[in-house]
Protein backbone atom coordinates (compact mmCIF):
# COMPACT_ATOMS: atom_id res chain seq x y z
CA MET A 1 138.59 74.52 127.82
CA LYS A 2 139.80 74.88 131.14
CA LYS A 3 139.86 78.60 132.39
CA THR A 4 143.58 78.83 132.62
CA THR A 5 143.95 77.58 128.86
CA PHE A 6 141.58 80.11 127.60
CA ILE A 7 143.31 82.88 129.61
CA ALA A 8 146.58 81.78 128.07
CA ALA A 9 145.28 81.40 124.54
CA PHE A 10 142.75 83.94 124.34
CA SER A 11 145.69 86.63 125.85
CA ALA A 12 148.14 85.49 123.47
CA ILE A 13 145.89 86.32 120.37
CA VAL A 14 143.94 89.38 121.49
CA SER A 15 145.99 92.50 120.93
CA ILE A 16 144.65 95.39 122.97
CA ALA A 17 146.74 98.64 122.35
CA ALA A 18 146.36 102.42 121.43
CA ILE A 19 147.54 102.52 118.10
CA PRO A 20 145.45 104.26 115.59
CA ALA A 21 144.71 101.93 112.49
CA ALA A 22 143.80 102.78 109.01
CA ASN A 23 141.09 100.46 106.89
CA ALA A 24 142.48 97.26 105.84
CA GLN A 25 141.66 96.07 102.41
CA GLU A 26 139.71 92.85 100.93
CA VAL A 27 138.98 91.17 104.58
CA THR A 28 135.67 92.08 105.96
CA CYS A 29 134.37 91.20 109.52
CA GLU A 30 132.24 88.62 107.31
CA SER A 31 135.14 87.14 105.69
CA ALA A 32 138.17 87.40 108.00
CA ASN A 33 139.86 84.03 109.08
CA PHE A 34 140.01 84.43 112.95
CA PRO A 35 142.82 82.32 114.99
CA GLU A 36 140.94 78.80 115.83
CA ALA A 37 142.15 79.57 119.91
CA VAL A 38 139.92 82.53 119.32
CA LEU A 39 137.13 80.86 117.68
CA GLU A 40 137.06 77.95 120.43
CA VAL A 41 136.54 80.02 122.85
CA PHE A 42 134.47 83.16 121.54
CA GLY A 43 132.93 81.21 118.75
CA SER A 44 130.34 84.50 118.32
CA VAL A 45 133.93 87.07 117.87
CA ARG A 46 132.27 87.44 114.22
CA TYR A 47 129.16 88.98 115.61
CA SER A 48 131.08 91.61 117.85
CA CYS A 49 133.37 92.39 114.61
CA ARG A 50 132.99 96.25 114.14
CA ASP A 51 135.31 96.68 111.15
CA ILE A 52 138.96 95.28 110.05
CA VAL A 53 141.54 97.45 110.09
CA GLU A 54 145.30 97.73 109.19
CA ARG A 55 148.10 97.64 112.32
CA ASN A 56 151.68 97.35 111.88
CA GLY A 57 150.79 95.88 108.00
CA ALA A 58 148.35 93.54 109.10
CA PRO A 59 144.56 92.90 109.62
CA HIS A 60 142.87 92.99 112.34
CA ALA A 61 139.43 92.75 113.55
CA LEU A 62 138.15 96.08 115.87
CA LEU A 63 135.88 95.00 118.66
CA LYS A 64 134.45 97.43 121.32
CA ALA A 65 134.56 95.96 125.39
CA GLU A 66 133.31 96.97 128.12
CA VAL A 67 135.24 96.55 131.55
CA VAL A 68 133.39 93.83 133.90
CA ARG A 69 136.51 93.48 136.24
CA ALA A 70 140.16 94.62 136.11
CA ASN A 71 141.52 92.58 138.84
CA PRO A 72 145.71 92.60 137.82
CA PRO A 73 146.51 90.12 136.28
CA ASN A 74 143.07 89.32 134.95
CA LEU A 75 140.68 91.37 132.64
CA THR A 76 137.23 90.55 132.09
CA LEU A 77 135.33 91.90 129.28
CA ARG A 78 132.13 91.95 127.60
CA PHE A 79 131.82 92.72 124.07
CA GLN A 80 129.09 94.83 122.00
CA ARG A 81 127.36 92.55 119.91
CA THR A 82 127.07 94.07 116.32
CA ASP A 83 123.96 91.95 115.31
CA ASP A 84 121.82 92.11 118.41
CA GLY A 85 121.78 96.14 119.05
CA ASN A 86 125.11 96.57 120.85
CA LYS A 87 124.03 94.24 123.35
CA LEU A 88 126.96 92.62 125.41
CA THR A 89 128.38 89.24 125.27
CA ASN A 90 128.57 86.87 128.38
CA PRO A 91 132.01 87.81 130.13
CA TYR A 92 135.36 86.91 129.01
CA THR A 93 138.50 87.00 131.43
CA PHE A 94 141.81 87.02 130.12
CA ALA A 95 145.53 88.20 131.39
CA PRO A 96 146.77 90.69 129.40
CA ASP A 97 150.40 91.20 129.06
CA ASN A 98 151.57 94.07 131.70
CA SER A 99 152.92 96.42 129.14
CA TYR A 100 149.40 96.50 127.41
CA ILE A 101 148.48 100.05 127.17
CA PHE A 102 144.65 99.99 126.85
CA GLU A 103 142.81 102.47 124.55
CA LEU A 104 139.24 103.91 125.74
CA ASP A 105 136.82 104.19 123.26
CA GLY A 106 137.47 108.20 123.48
CA GLY A 107 141.18 107.50 122.66
CA LYS A 108 142.62 108.07 126.15
CA GLN A 109 145.45 105.32 127.19
CA LEU A 110 145.38 103.54 130.72
CA SER A 111 147.44 100.87 131.69
CA LEU A 112 145.59 97.54 133.12
CA ARG A 113 146.03 98.98 137.00
CA GLU A 114 144.33 102.46 135.89
CA LEU A 115 141.03 100.54 133.74
CA ARG A 116 137.58 100.32 136.02
CA ARG A 117 134.19 98.64 135.90
CA GLY A 118 132.33 100.58 132.98
CA ASN A 119 135.48 101.56 130.76
CA ARG A 120 134.78 100.68 127.02
CA LEU A 121 137.73 99.55 124.86
CA ASN A 122 138.91 99.64 121.51
CA VAL A 123 140.24 95.69 121.33
CA TYR A 124 142.14 94.40 118.18
CA ILE A 125 142.43 90.40 117.02
CA PRO A 126 144.65 89.58 114.56
CA VAL A 127 142.85 87.94 111.46
CA LYS A 128 144.52 86.47 108.32
CA GLY A 129 142.92 87.18 104.69
CA PRO A 130 139.95 86.03 103.44
CA MET A 131 138.47 82.37 104.60
CA SER A 132 139.28 79.91 101.73
């Protein structure tokens, strides 16, 4: 998959925002049905999933990420793996919408232009109910 296709597909699927979420029911990181576009470029997404939370009435996978590079319009992240002692994945680059507000792990909200290398983010990916 070309890098530009990856950027478009991944940024269309990933939702990064500063909205608190409550735990979703029934869906777990192990059973969540991740979007094909995400699985095609980040096949190990399940191993970075921390929890399934509800946002706007829909389940989302919560991932933790570290900023490698914030060079608007692109953002490069490495995700913490839950299956490997919180080691980080290879870098993934995507182009989030300019209106995104990013939530640092500590709760502070920043725009893409304010992000710096080393910032830790909460990342939310929409998922469907348990895999069938």
